[in-house]
Amino acid sequence: MQLLEDYSEPQPSVFYQTPQNEHIYQQKNKLLMEVYGFNDSFSGADSSQELAPPPALPPKQRQLESPAGKDGPARDPSAVGSAPGKDSRDGGERAPKSPDALESAQLEDEVDELSLIDHNEIMARLTLKQEGDDGPDVRGGSGDILLVHATETDRKDLVLYCEAFLTTYRTFITPEELIKKLQYRYEKFSPFADTFKKRVSKNTFFVLVRVVDELCLVELTEEILKLLMELVFRLVCSGELSLARVLRKNILDKVDQKKLLRCANSDQPLAARGVAARPGTLHDFHSHEIAEQLTLLDAELFYKIEIPEVLLWAKEQNEEKSPNLTQFTEHFNNMSYWVRSIIMLQEKAQDRERLLLKFIKIMKHLRKLNNFNSYLAILSALDSAPIRRLEWQKQTSEGLAEYCTLIDSSSSFRAYRAALSEVEPPCIPYLGLILQDLTFVHLGNPDYIDGKVNFSKRWQQFNILDSMRCFQQAHYDIRRNDDIINFFNDFSDHLAEEALWELSLKIKPRNITRRKTDREEKT
């Protein structure tokens, strides 16, 4: 997808806006609890356990406070330093310290953040935004304290924070490491009879289930499966049969999805096996029918894309880690070159003109369907240099120019962003801009600030992905038309860029001045 070559940097405030879909995430959590049979202990209904709001000290002062001076629950000394993968980013030699400084540093190092349960103490270890600043309340923290904060799932004011953490954690910790840390925190408090500690353990277990539920299929490695099945065994041995059943069902569902994916990949559509395309022309079908079938094909691929694929692509651009996204972008490119090819292969000028007008009509219907992907695939074809340089009727050129305003790169694609913000799902967004926004945020913001995870960066990434996730929840109700689908033939019949230029130069050689009349020669 290379349509947006003139990408202009948007203002950071564009990505700092608070998502408007908090209720969707609340419903999702409620549904998961019902599906996996969680009881009311997750609801935090015990009002006596409500914790005080975070202290109002500036973040830097909080970080300098000695943990020994804080009021909080007693920690198990045997667990000190035993947390898996405990953060230690301050490597290298250090300057000699005074005895008081060494004692203070030792106390700081001894704190096992994965064992913290007091909300005030957790908040004191986070870097929070200053009054009047844009962006999320949490600006940064160690990976462990961000994880612990995400397990406070019974606090209604943390719904979006938890979602942002679960969406972006892969940028600073692997799924396997996160599962180990969550297991450690769960097992730390599960033996206690204390109601509050029980709730902490079960909240942690719910986050663990969410992590497993949202694993990409490519992440479902033998190592992770072994780790999870060992945890199921430990749950059974400790008498937590209901939780073991929940996790086991979660794992088996993911394994079944992976098996289905393998079967689906082996059963390719007929067109992909070289079946000849349906004879005829594009004019044999109504424009709205073509738009619907383009949307159907787009939707089938769009719904398969997993959010982590998109996030990781902006950082690594690894096709193996983003297989569904790769398939979707290839579909976009093939469609765009297919449109260019069938126009350029027409020998007569009026036939080319007629096809171009046909595609403009199709774009009109795609806009009504909120399918920006096919809309922009066609637009990029009609506005490509080999086609744009040819001579067209004045009204045709003006009509095409009107459609190009949607993707005007000035003001950071304000027209497209505004149109996207106003649509009612179902909708298929143009992923090219999402990927470029994510790349812009990734390259323009450090991963760590003063050794702490830069959560402001993760919040921006979450914000960009939020609308895409919501669009994936609403599906189109379109009946498949095999005649049109077979005519498309997977858009496999298209010319390469060099061949398109050869045809364009054959139709209109270089250094040929444009005719004064808008009418092309009769052929």
Protein backbone atom coordinates (compact mmCIF):
# COMPACT_ATOMS: atom_id res chain seq x y z
CA MET A 1 0.00 0.00 0.00
CA GLN A 2 1.94 3.03 -1.24
CA LEU A 3 -0.84 5.49 -1.94
CA LEU A 4 0.08 7.92 0.84
CA GLU A 5 3.47 9.02 -0.39
CA ASP A 6 2.93 12.60 0.87
CA TYR A 7 2.25 11.57 4.47
CA SER A 8 2.33 14.67 6.65
CA GLU A 9 3.03 14.49 10.34
CA PRO A 10 -0.16 14.77 12.41
CA GLN A 11 -0.29 16.63 15.69
CA PRO A 12 0.35 14.34 18.72
CA SER A 13 -3.05 15.37 20.09
CA VAL A 14 -4.63 13.35 17.26
CA PHE A 15 -3.46 10.16 18.97
CA TYR A 16 -3.95 11.33 22.57
CA GLN A 17 -7.73 11.55 22.38
CA THR A 18 -9.59 9.25 24.76
CA PRO A 19 -11.29 6.41 22.85
CA GLN A 20 -15.07 6.59 22.94
CA ASN A 21 -15.55 2.83 23.11
CA GLU A 22 -15.03 2.18 26.81
CA HIS A 23 -18.47 0.57 27.13
CA ILE A 24 -17.54 -1.93 24.40
CA TYR A 25 -14.55 -3.11 26.43
CA GLN A 26 -16.68 -3.35 29.57
CA GLN A 27 -19.19 -5.52 27.69
CA LYS A 28 -16.34 -7.65 26.33
CA ASN A 29 -15.01 -8.32 29.83
CA LYS A 30 -18.50 -9.16 31.07
CA LEU A 31 -19.04 -11.56 28.17
CA LEU A 32 -15.70 -13.28 28.78
CA MET A 33 -16.55 -13.73 32.43
CA GLU A 34 -19.84 -15.37 31.46
CA VAL A 35 -18.29 -17.57 28.77
CA TYR A 36 -15.54 -18.82 31.06
CA GLY A 37 -17.77 -19.10 34.11
CA PHE A 38 -16.10 -16.57 36.38
CA ASN A 39 -18.06 -15.83 39.53
CA ASP A 40 -18.89 -12.51 41.16
CA SER A 41 -15.55 -12.35 42.96
CA PHE A 42 -14.26 -10.37 39.98
CA SER A 43 -16.81 -7.63 40.35
CA GLY A 44 -15.21 -6.02 43.36
CA ALA A 45 -18.63 -5.75 44.96
CA ASP A 46 -17.16 -5.57 48.47
CA SER A 47 -17.31 -1.83 49.01
CA SER A 48 -15.27 -2.12 52.20
CA GLN A 49 -12.26 -2.90 50.04
CA GLU A 50 -12.42 0.37 48.09
CA LEU A 51 -9.00 1.94 48.20
CA ALA A 52 -8.15 5.59 48.61
CA PRO A 53 -7.37 7.68 45.52
CA PRO A 54 -3.70 8.03 44.52
CA PRO A 55 -1.60 10.60 46.37
CA ALA A 56 -1.18 14.02 44.81
CA LEU A 57 2.62 14.11 44.90
CA PRO A 58 4.49 14.84 41.64
CA PRO A 59 5.74 11.67 39.92
CA LYS A 60 9.46 12.38 40.48
CA GLN A 61 8.96 12.82 44.21
CA ARG A 62 7.05 9.56 44.34
CA GLN A 63 9.87 7.75 42.64
CA LEU A 64 12.41 9.11 45.17
CA GLU A 65 10.41 8.00 48.22
CA SER A 66 11.78 5.01 50.06
CA PRO A 67 9.39 2.03 49.83
CA ALA A 68 10.19 1.20 53.45
CA GLY A 69 8.38 4.30 54.59
CA LYS A 70 5.10 3.51 52.86
CA ASP A 71 2.04 2.10 54.50
CA GLY A 72 1.01 -1.10 52.84
CA PRO A 73 0.43 -4.81 53.34
CA ALA A 74 3.32 -6.87 54.63
CA ARG A 75 5.22 -8.69 51.88
CA ASP A 76 6.42 -12.25 52.02
CA PRO A 77 10.23 -12.07 52.52
CA SER A 78 10.69 -15.41 50.83
CA ALA A 79 9.43 -13.91 47.57
CA VAL A 80 11.95 -11.07 47.47
CA GLY A 81 13.92 -11.20 44.23
CA SER A 82 12.15 -14.39 43.12
CA ALA A 83 9.89 -12.81 40.52
CA PRO A 84 10.48 -14.12 36.99
CA GLY A 85 12.44 -11.77 34.73
CA LYS A 86 12.57 -9.00 37.32
CA ASP A 87 13.31 -5.69 35.58
CA SER A 88 16.97 -4.58 35.76
CA ARG A 89 17.63 -1.97 33.09
CA ASP A 90 20.25 -0.02 35.01
CA GLY A 91 23.23 -2.11 33.88
CA GLY A 92 26.87 -1.15 33.85
CA GLU A 93 29.24 0.11 36.56
CA ARG A 94 27.98 2.62 39.06
CA ALA A 95 29.78 5.32 41.02
CA PRO A 96 30.49 4.59 44.73
CA LYS A 97 27.65 5.51 47.04
CA SER A 98 27.46 6.60 50.65
CA PRO A 99 26.27 4.05 53.25
CA ASP A 100 22.88 5.79 53.48
CA ALA A 101 22.53 5.76 49.69
CA LEU A 102 23.52 2.10 49.53
CA GLU A 103 20.96 1.21 52.20
CA SER A 104 18.27 3.14 50.35
CA ALA A 105 19.19 1.51 47.04
CA GLN A 106 19.15 -1.91 48.67
CA LEU A 107 15.66 -1.33 50.02
CA GLU A 108 14.56 -0.18 46.57
CA ASP A 109 16.03 -3.27 44.89
CA GLU A 110 14.41 -5.59 47.44
CA VAL A 111 10.89 -4.48 46.57
CA ASP A 112 9.16 -7.12 44.48
CA GLU A 113 6.77 -5.03 42.42
CA LEU A 114 4.85 -8.09 41.26
CA SER A 115 3.85 -8.62 44.91
CA LEU A 116 2.39 -5.16 45.47
CA ILE A 117 -1.35 -4.98 46.16
CA ASP A 118 -1.88 -1.59 47.80
CA HIS A 119 -3.31 0.79 45.19
CA ASN A 120 -1.60 3.86 46.65
CA GLU A 121 1.78 2.14 46.61
CA ILE A 122 1.23 0.97 43.03
CA MET A 123 0.30 4.49 41.92
CA ALA A 124 3.34 5.93 43.73
CA ARG A 125 5.59 3.79 41.53
CA LEU A 126 4.03 4.97 38.29
CA THR A 127 4.94 8.14 36.45
CA LEU A 128 1.72 10.13 36.11
CA LYS A 129 0.90 13.05 33.86
CA GLN A 130 1.12 16.57 35.16
CA GLU A 131 -1.99 18.71 35.50
CA GLY A 132 -2.98 20.24 32.17
CA ASP A 133 -1.06 17.71 30.06
CA ASP A 134 -2.69 15.78 27.23
CA GLY A 135 -2.67 12.02 27.07
CA PRO A 136 -3.18 9.17 29.50
CA ASP A 137 -3.00 9.47 33.28
CA VAL A 138 -0.18 6.91 33.36
CA ARG A 139 2.90 8.14 31.52
CA GLY A 140 5.35 5.38 32.37
CA GLY A 141 6.70 2.84 34.80
CA SER A 142 8.63 -0.38 34.99
CA GLY A 143 7.20 -3.29 33.03
CA ASP A 144 6.30 -5.05 36.29
CA ILE A 145 4.40 -2.14 37.83
CA LEU A 146 2.50 -1.52 34.58
CA LEU A 147 1.49 -5.20 34.65
CA VAL A 148 0.41 -4.99 38.31
CA HIS A 149 -1.64 -1.86 37.58
CA ALA A 150 -3.37 -3.71 34.71
CA THR A 151 -4.47 -6.46 37.10
CA GLU A 152 -6.56 -3.97 39.09
CA THR A 153 -9.45 -5.01 36.86
CA ASP A 154 -12.18 -4.24 39.37
CA ARG A 155 -11.50 -0.50 39.20
CA LYS A 156 -13.90 0.96 36.65
CA ASP A 157 -11.61 3.94 35.99
CA LEU A 158 -8.91 1.59 34.68
CA VAL A 159 -10.88 -0.14 31.89
CA LEU A 160 -9.15 1.73 29.08
CA TYR A 161 -5.73 1.47 30.75
CA CYS A 162 -6.08 -2.31 30.97
CA GLU A 163 -7.07 -2.50 27.31
CA ALA A 164 -4.15 -0.30 26.28
CA PHE A 165 -1.77 -2.53 28.24
CA LEU A 166 -3.16 -5.75 26.73
CA THR A 167 -3.04 -4.24 23.24
CA THR A 168 0.55 -2.98 23.40
CA TYR A 169 2.47 -5.10 25.93
CA ARG A 170 4.26 -6.99 23.14
CA THR A 171 6.32 -3.87 22.45
CA PHE A 172 8.18 -4.28 25.77
CA ILE A 173 7.62 -7.88 26.92
CA THR A 174 6.95 -11.18 25.13
CA PRO A 175 3.68 -13.08 25.65
CA GLU A 176 5.61 -15.96 27.25
CA GLU A 177 7.31 -13.66 29.76
CA LEU A 178 4.02 -11.93 30.57
CA ILE A 179 2.27 -15.25 31.20
CA LYS A 180 5.07 -16.30 33.58
CA LYS A 181 4.81 -13.03 35.52
CA LEU A 182 1.02 -13.27 35.75
CA GLN A 183 1.31 -16.86 36.93
CA TYR A 184 3.81 -15.76 39.59
CA ARG A 185 1.49 -12.98 40.83
CA TYR A 186 -1.54 -15.29 40.84
CA GLU A 187 0.23 -18.03 42.78
CA LYS A 188 1.65 -15.44 45.19
CA PHE A 189 -1.81 -14.61 46.56
CA SER A 190 -4.04 -17.59 45.71
CA PRO A 191 -3.17 -19.58 48.91
CA PHE A 192 -4.38 -16.77 51.18
CA ALA A 193 -7.81 -16.92 52.81
CA ASP A 194 -7.86 -13.14 53.03
CA THR A 195 -10.72 -11.83 50.86
CA PHE A 196 -8.73 -8.96 49.37
CA LYS A 197 -5.74 -11.12 48.44
CA LYS A 198 -8.08 -13.72 46.93
CA ARG A 199 -9.57 -10.99 44.79
CA VAL A 200 -6.11 -9.85 43.70
CA SER A 201 -5.23 -13.40 42.65
CA LYS A 202 -8.43 -13.89 40.69
CA ASN A 203 -8.17 -10.49 39.01
CA THR A 204 -4.67 -11.50 37.95
CA PHE A 205 -5.95 -14.82 36.67
CA PHE A 206 -8.61 -13.04 34.59
CA VAL A 207 -5.90 -10.93 32.94
CA LEU A 208 -3.95 -14.13 32.25
CA VAL A 209 -7.02 -15.59 30.55
CA ARG A 210 -7.37 -12.42 28.48
CA VAL A 211 -3.73 -12.70 27.39
CA VAL A 212 -4.23 -16.31 26.29
CA ASP A 213 -7.53 -15.47 24.60
CA GLU A 214 -5.87 -12.72 22.53
CA LEU A 215 -2.74 -14.61 21.52
CA CYS A 216 -2.14 -14.52 17.78
CA LEU A 217 -2.19 -17.97 16.25
CA VAL A 218 1.45 -17.55 15.19
CA GLU A 219 2.28 -16.91 18.86
CA LEU A 220 0.79 -20.24 19.94
CA THR A 221 4.17 -21.95 20.08
CA GLU A 222 5.00 -25.30 21.68
CA GLU A 223 6.79 -23.45 24.50
CA ILE A 224 3.69 -21.40 25.37
CA LEU A 225 1.38 -24.41 25.09
CA LYS A 226 3.67 -26.39 27.43
CA LEU A 227 3.78 -23.47 29.88
CA LEU A 228 -0.01 -23.15 29.89
CA MET A 229 -0.70 -26.87 30.27
CA GLU A 230 1.73 -27.01 33.20
CA LEU A 231 -0.24 -24.19 34.80
CA VAL A 232 -3.49 -26.14 34.26
CA PHE A 233 -1.89 -29.13 36.00
CA ARG A 234 -0.78 -26.96 38.93
CA LEU A 235 -4.29 -25.53 39.25
CA VAL A 236 -5.75 -29.04 39.38
CA CYS A 237 -3.22 -30.11 42.02
CA SER A 238 -4.04 -27.10 44.18
CA GLY A 239 -7.78 -27.83 43.99
CA GLU A 240 -8.67 -24.86 41.73
CA LEU A 241 -10.70 -27.06 39.38
CA SER A 242 -12.97 -24.31 38.06
CA LEU A 243 -10.03 -22.08 37.11
CA ALA A 244 -8.20 -25.06 35.59
CA ARG A 245 -11.30 -25.76 33.49
CA VAL A 246 -11.45 -22.11 32.37
CA LEU A 247 -7.82 -22.04 31.26
CA ARG A 248 -8.00 -25.46 29.62
CA LYS A 249 -11.05 -24.44 27.59
CA ASN A 250 -9.26 -21.24 26.60
CA ILE A 251 -6.19 -23.17 25.39
CA LEU A 252 -8.22 -25.78 23.47
CA ASP A 253 -10.21 -23.04 21.71
CA LYS A 254 -6.97 -21.45 20.46
CA VAL A 255 -5.60 -24.83 19.31
CA ASP A 256 -8.85 -25.52 17.42
CA GLN A 257 -8.59 -22.10 15.73
CA LYS A 258 -5.08 -22.92 14.59
CA LYS A 259 -6.22 -26.26 13.14
CA LEU A 260 -9.09 -24.57 11.29
CA LEU A 261 -6.67 -22.00 9.86
CA ARG A 262 -4.44 -24.74 8.47
CA CYS A 263 -7.44 -26.42 6.84
CA ALA A 264 -8.63 -23.11 5.38
CA ASN A 265 -5.20 -22.40 3.90
CA SER A 266 -5.15 -25.83 2.23
CA ASP A 267 -8.62 -25.30 0.73
CA GLN A 268 -7.85 -22.38 -1.56
CA PRO A 269 -10.63 -20.86 -3.69
CA LEU A 270 -11.11 -22.16 -7.20
CA ALA A 271 -9.76 -19.00 -8.76
CA ALA A 272 -6.48 -19.42 -6.88
CA ARG A 273 -6.03 -22.86 -8.45
CA GLY A 274 -5.93 -21.46 -11.94
CA VAL A 275 -9.60 -21.77 -12.97
CA ALA A 276 -10.23 -19.49 -15.90
CA ALA A 277 -12.00 -16.24 -15.17
CA ARG A 278 -15.63 -15.93 -16.24
CA PRO A 279 -15.88 -14.69 -19.84
CA GLY A 280 -17.42 -11.27 -20.31
CA THR A 281 -16.67 -7.73 -19.22
CA LEU A 282 -17.12 -5.54 -16.20
CA HIS A 283 -20.11 -3.93 -17.87
CA ASP A 284 -22.06 -7.18 -17.55
CA PHE A 285 -22.63 -6.38 -13.86
CA HIS A 286 -24.27 -3.50 -12.03
CA SER A 287 -21.88 -1.15 -10.25
CA HIS A 288 -23.53 -1.64 -6.85
CA GLU A 289 -23.24 -5.44 -7.21
CA ILE A 290 -19.54 -5.17 -7.99
CA ALA A 291 -19.04 -2.87 -4.99
CA GLU A 292 -20.81 -5.36 -2.73
CA GLN A 293 -18.65 -8.27 -3.87
CA LEU A 294 -15.48 -6.22 -3.49
CA THR A 295 -16.63 -5.43 0.04
CA LEU A 296 -17.38 -9.10 0.73
CA LEU A 297 -13.85 -10.12 -0.30
CA ASP A 298 -12.29 -7.28 1.69
CA ALA A 299 -14.33 -8.14 4.78
CA GLU A 300 -13.35 -11.82 4.74
CA LEU A 301 -9.69 -10.79 4.92
CA PHE A 302 -10.15 -7.78 7.22
CA TYR A 303 -11.87 -9.77 9.98
CA LYS A 304 -9.00 -12.29 10.02
CA ILE A 305 -6.39 -9.64 10.86
CA GLU A 306 -5.31 -9.80 14.50
CA ILE A 307 -4.55 -6.48 16.17
CA PRO A 308 -1.01 -7.47 17.32
CA GLU A 309 -0.10 -8.14 13.68
CA VAL A 310 -0.71 -4.49 12.84
CA LEU A 311 1.15 -3.19 15.87
CA LEU A 312 4.21 -5.38 15.27
CA TRP A 313 4.28 -4.61 11.54
CA ALA A 314 5.02 -0.95 12.22
CA LYS A 315 8.04 -2.02 14.29
CA GLU A 316 9.39 -5.12 12.56
CA GLN A 317 7.62 -5.49 9.18
CA ASN A 318 7.86 -9.24 9.54
CA GLU A 319 5.50 -11.10 7.20
CA GLU A 320 5.72 -14.28 9.28
CA LYS A 321 4.44 -12.44 12.35
CA SER A 322 1.73 -10.64 10.38
CA PRO A 323 0.38 -13.25 7.92
CA ASN A 324 -3.21 -11.97 7.74
CA LEU A 325 -2.14 -8.35 7.37
CA THR A 326 0.27 -9.37 4.62
CA GLN A 327 -2.53 -11.20 2.80
CA PHE A 328 -4.80 -8.17 3.12
CA THR A 329 -2.21 -5.73 1.73
CA GLU A 330 -1.40 -8.08 -1.16
CA HIS A 331 -5.13 -8.22 -1.94
CA PHE A 332 -5.21 -4.39 -2.00
CA ASN A 333 -2.23 -4.18 -4.34
CA ASN A 334 -3.51 -6.91 -6.66
CA MET A 335 -6.90 -5.23 -6.92
CA SER A 336 -5.31 -1.87 -7.71
CA TYR A 337 -3.10 -3.32 -10.46
CA TRP A 338 -6.01 -5.33 -11.83
CA VAL A 339 -8.00 -2.10 -12.26
CA ARG A 340 -5.09 -0.41 -14.01
CA SER A 341 -4.54 -3.39 -16.27
CA ILE A 342 -8.07 -3.84 -17.58
CA ILE A 343 -8.24 -0.12 -18.41
CA MET A 344 -4.87 0.00 -20.16
CA LEU A 345 -5.54 -3.19 -22.12
CA GLN A 346 -8.42 -1.52 -23.96
CA GLU A 347 -7.26 -0.54 -27.44
CA LYS A 348 -9.89 2.12 -28.07
CA ALA A 349 -9.94 5.44 -26.23
CA GLN A 350 -13.72 5.36 -25.72
CA ASP A 351 -13.47 1.90 -24.16
CA ARG A 352 -10.87 3.13 -21.70
CA GLU A 353 -13.04 6.13 -20.90
CA ARG A 354 -16.10 3.96 -20.39
CA LEU A 355 -14.26 1.65 -17.99
CA LEU A 356 -12.84 4.55 -16.01
CA LEU A 357 -16.35 5.97 -15.59
CA LYS A 358 -17.56 2.52 -14.53
CA PHE A 359 -14.96 2.41 -11.77
CA ILE A 360 -15.94 5.89 -10.61
CA LYS A 361 -19.51 4.63 -10.21
CA ILE A 362 -18.24 1.60 -8.29
CA MET A 363 -16.31 3.93 -5.98
CA LYS A 364 -19.50 5.85 -5.29
CA HIS A 365 -21.18 2.66 -4.06
CA LEU A 366 -18.09 1.62 -2.08
CA ARG A 367 -18.28 4.94 -0.24
CA LYS A 368 -21.90 4.21 0.68
CA LEU A 369 -20.79 0.83 2.02
CA ASN A 370 -18.02 2.49 4.08
CA ASN A 371 -15.46 0.35 2.30
CA PHE A 372 -12.50 2.70 2.20
CA ASN A 373 -10.09 -0.10 1.34
CA SER A 374 -11.45 -0.98 -2.11
CA TYR A 375 -12.36 2.67 -2.62
CA LEU A 376 -8.72 3.69 -2.24
CA ALA A 377 -7.41 0.67 -4.14
CA ILE A 378 -9.43 1.80 -7.17
CA LEU A 379 -8.62 5.47 -6.61
CA SER A 380 -4.90 4.73 -6.48
CA ALA A 381 -5.27 2.90 -9.79
CA LEU A 382 -7.22 5.65 -11.56
CA ASP A 383 -4.82 8.30 -10.21
CA SER A 384 -1.66 6.33 -11.07
CA ALA A 385 0.80 8.01 -13.42
CA PRO A 386 0.39 5.65 -16.44
CA ILE A 387 -3.37 6.33 -16.45
CA ARG A 388 -3.42 9.95 -15.27
CA ARG A 389 -1.08 11.11 -18.06
CA LEU A 390 -3.48 9.97 -20.78
CA GLU A 391 -6.07 12.28 -22.29
CA TRP A 392 -9.56 12.08 -20.80
CA GLN A 393 -12.81 13.95 -21.24
CA LYS A 394 -12.93 17.10 -19.10
CA GLN A 395 -15.93 15.92 -17.07
CA THR A 396 -14.20 12.59 -16.42
CA SER A 397 -11.06 14.27 -15.08
CA GLU A 398 -13.09 16.66 -12.94
CA GLY A 399 -15.18 13.79 -11.56
CA LEU A 400 -12.07 11.85 -10.61
CA ALA A 401 -10.52 14.94 -9.00
CA GLU A 402 -13.59 15.26 -6.76
CA TYR A 403 -13.07 11.73 -5.44
CA CYS A 404 -9.38 12.43 -4.80
CA THR A 405 -10.25 15.11 -2.23
CA LEU A 406 -11.04 12.38 0.31
CA ILE A 407 -7.41 11.35 0.51
CA ASP A 408 -5.89 14.82 0.26
CA SER A 409 -2.63 14.65 2.22
CA SER A 410 -2.79 18.26 3.39
CA SER A 411 -3.57 18.78 7.09
CA SER A 412 -2.67 15.18 7.86
CA PHE A 413 -5.51 13.66 5.80
CA ARG A 414 -8.11 15.64 7.71
CA ALA A 415 -10.90 14.88 5.20
CA TYR A 416 -10.42 11.12 5.42
CA ARG A 417 -10.04 11.13 9.21
CA ALA A 418 -13.21 13.19 9.55
CA ALA A 419 -15.14 10.87 7.23
CA LEU A 420 -13.90 7.82 9.13
CA SER A 421 -14.89 9.29 12.50
CA GLU A 422 -18.47 9.85 11.32
CA VAL A 423 -19.24 6.48 9.74
CA GLU A 424 -21.57 3.97 11.31
CA PRO A 425 -20.18 0.41 11.24
CA PRO A 426 -19.78 -1.85 9.41
CA CYS A 427 -16.76 -0.24 7.87
CA ILE A 428 -13.46 -1.32 6.35
CA PRO A 429 -10.82 1.38 6.91
CA TYR A 430 -7.79 1.99 4.75
CA LEU A 431 -5.01 0.18 6.62
CA GLY A 432 -2.26 2.06 4.81
CA LEU A 433 -2.88 5.18 6.91
CA ILE A 434 -3.16 3.15 10.12
CA LEU A 435 0.23 1.56 9.41
CA GLN A 436 1.81 4.92 8.63
CA ASP A 437 0.36 6.47 11.80
CA LEU A 438 1.78 3.60 13.86
CA THR A 439 5.17 3.93 12.15
CA PHE A 440 5.16 7.68 12.83
CA VAL A 441 4.44 7.11 16.54
CA HIS A 442 7.00 4.30 16.78
CA LEU A 443 9.85 6.27 15.19
CA GLY A 444 8.98 9.58 16.85
CA ASN A 445 8.81 8.38 20.47
CA PRO A 446 11.38 6.49 22.58
CA ASP A 447 10.40 3.10 24.00
CA TYR A 448 11.89 4.01 27.40
CA ILE A 449 12.33 7.27 29.32
CA ASP A 450 14.77 7.23 32.24
CA GLY A 451 14.71 3.43 32.17
CA LYS A 452 10.90 3.31 32.45
CA VAL A 453 8.51 2.01 29.79
CA ASN A 454 7.12 5.02 27.92
CA PHE A 455 3.41 4.28 28.30
CA SER A 456 2.40 7.52 26.57
CA LYS A 457 3.75 5.96 23.38
CA ARG A 458 1.72 2.79 24.01
CA TRP A 459 -1.40 4.87 24.61
CA GLN A 460 -1.01 6.53 21.21
CA GLN A 461 -0.59 3.11 19.57
CA PHE A 462 -3.70 1.83 21.37
CA ASN A 463 -5.65 4.89 20.25
CA ILE A 464 -4.73 4.30 16.60
CA LEU A 465 -5.76 0.63 16.78
CA ASP A 466 -8.95 1.25 18.77
CA SER A 467 -11.17 2.22 15.83
CA MET A 468 -9.92 -0.71 13.74
CA ARG A 469 -10.78 -3.15 16.54
CA CYS A 470 -14.30 -1.69 16.80
CA PHE A 471 -14.84 -1.91 13.03
CA GLN A 472 -13.93 -5.60 13.20
CA GLN A 473 -16.85 -6.21 15.58
CA ALA A 474 -19.56 -5.19 13.06
CA HIS A 475 -19.99 -7.47 10.04
CA TYR A 476 -21.56 -6.93 6.62
CA ASP A 477 -24.61 -8.88 5.52
CA ILE A 478 -23.80 -9.47 1.84
CA ARG A 479 -24.70 -12.54 -0.19
CA ARG A 480 -21.92 -14.04 -2.30
CA ASN A 481 -22.27 -13.72 -6.09
CA ASP A 482 -20.08 -16.41 -7.64
CA ASP A 483 -20.39 -14.96 -11.15
CA ILE A 484 -18.76 -11.71 -10.08
CA ILE A 485 -16.24 -13.42 -7.76
CA ASN A 486 -15.14 -15.73 -10.57
CA PHE A 487 -14.85 -12.76 -12.91
CA PHE A 488 -12.41 -11.15 -10.48
CA ASN A 489 -10.32 -14.35 -10.51
CA ASP A 490 -8.57 -13.22 -7.30
CA PHE A 491 -7.30 -10.20 -9.28
CA SER A 492 -4.44 -12.42 -10.38
CA ASP A 493 -4.63 -11.35 -14.03
CA HIS A 494 -2.80 -8.05 -13.97
CA LEU A 495 0.22 -6.42 -15.55
CA ALA A 496 3.38 -5.28 -13.80
CA GLU A 497 4.24 -1.59 -13.44
CA GLU A 498 6.74 -1.70 -16.32
CA ALA A 499 4.19 -3.24 -18.70
CA LEU A 500 1.61 -0.60 -17.75
CA TRP A 501 4.09 2.15 -18.59
CA GLU A 502 4.87 0.54 -21.95
CA LEU A 503 1.17 0.54 -22.83
CA SER A 504 0.75 4.12 -21.61
CA LEU A 505 3.68 5.32 -23.74
CA LYS A 506 2.37 3.39 -26.71
CA ILE A 507 -1.01 5.12 -26.41
CA LYS A 508 0.54 8.53 -25.81
CA PRO A 509 4.28 8.84 -26.56
CA ARG A 510 6.37 11.31 -24.59
CA ASN A 511 6.73 14.93 -25.78
CA ILE A 512 3.33 14.81 -27.46
CA THR A 513 1.49 18.02 -26.63
CA ARG A 514 -2.05 17.71 -25.37
CA ARG A 515 -4.77 18.31 -27.93
CA LYS A 516 -6.69 21.54 -27.58
CA THR A 517 -9.96 19.62 -27.78
CA ASP A 518 -10.99 17.39 -24.91
CA ARG A 519 -12.09 14.74 -27.35
CA GLU A 520 -9.57 12.04 -28.20
CA GLU A 521 -8.97 10.85 -31.72
CA LYS A 522 -11.47 8.37 -33.14
CA THR A 523 -10.08 4.89 -33.49
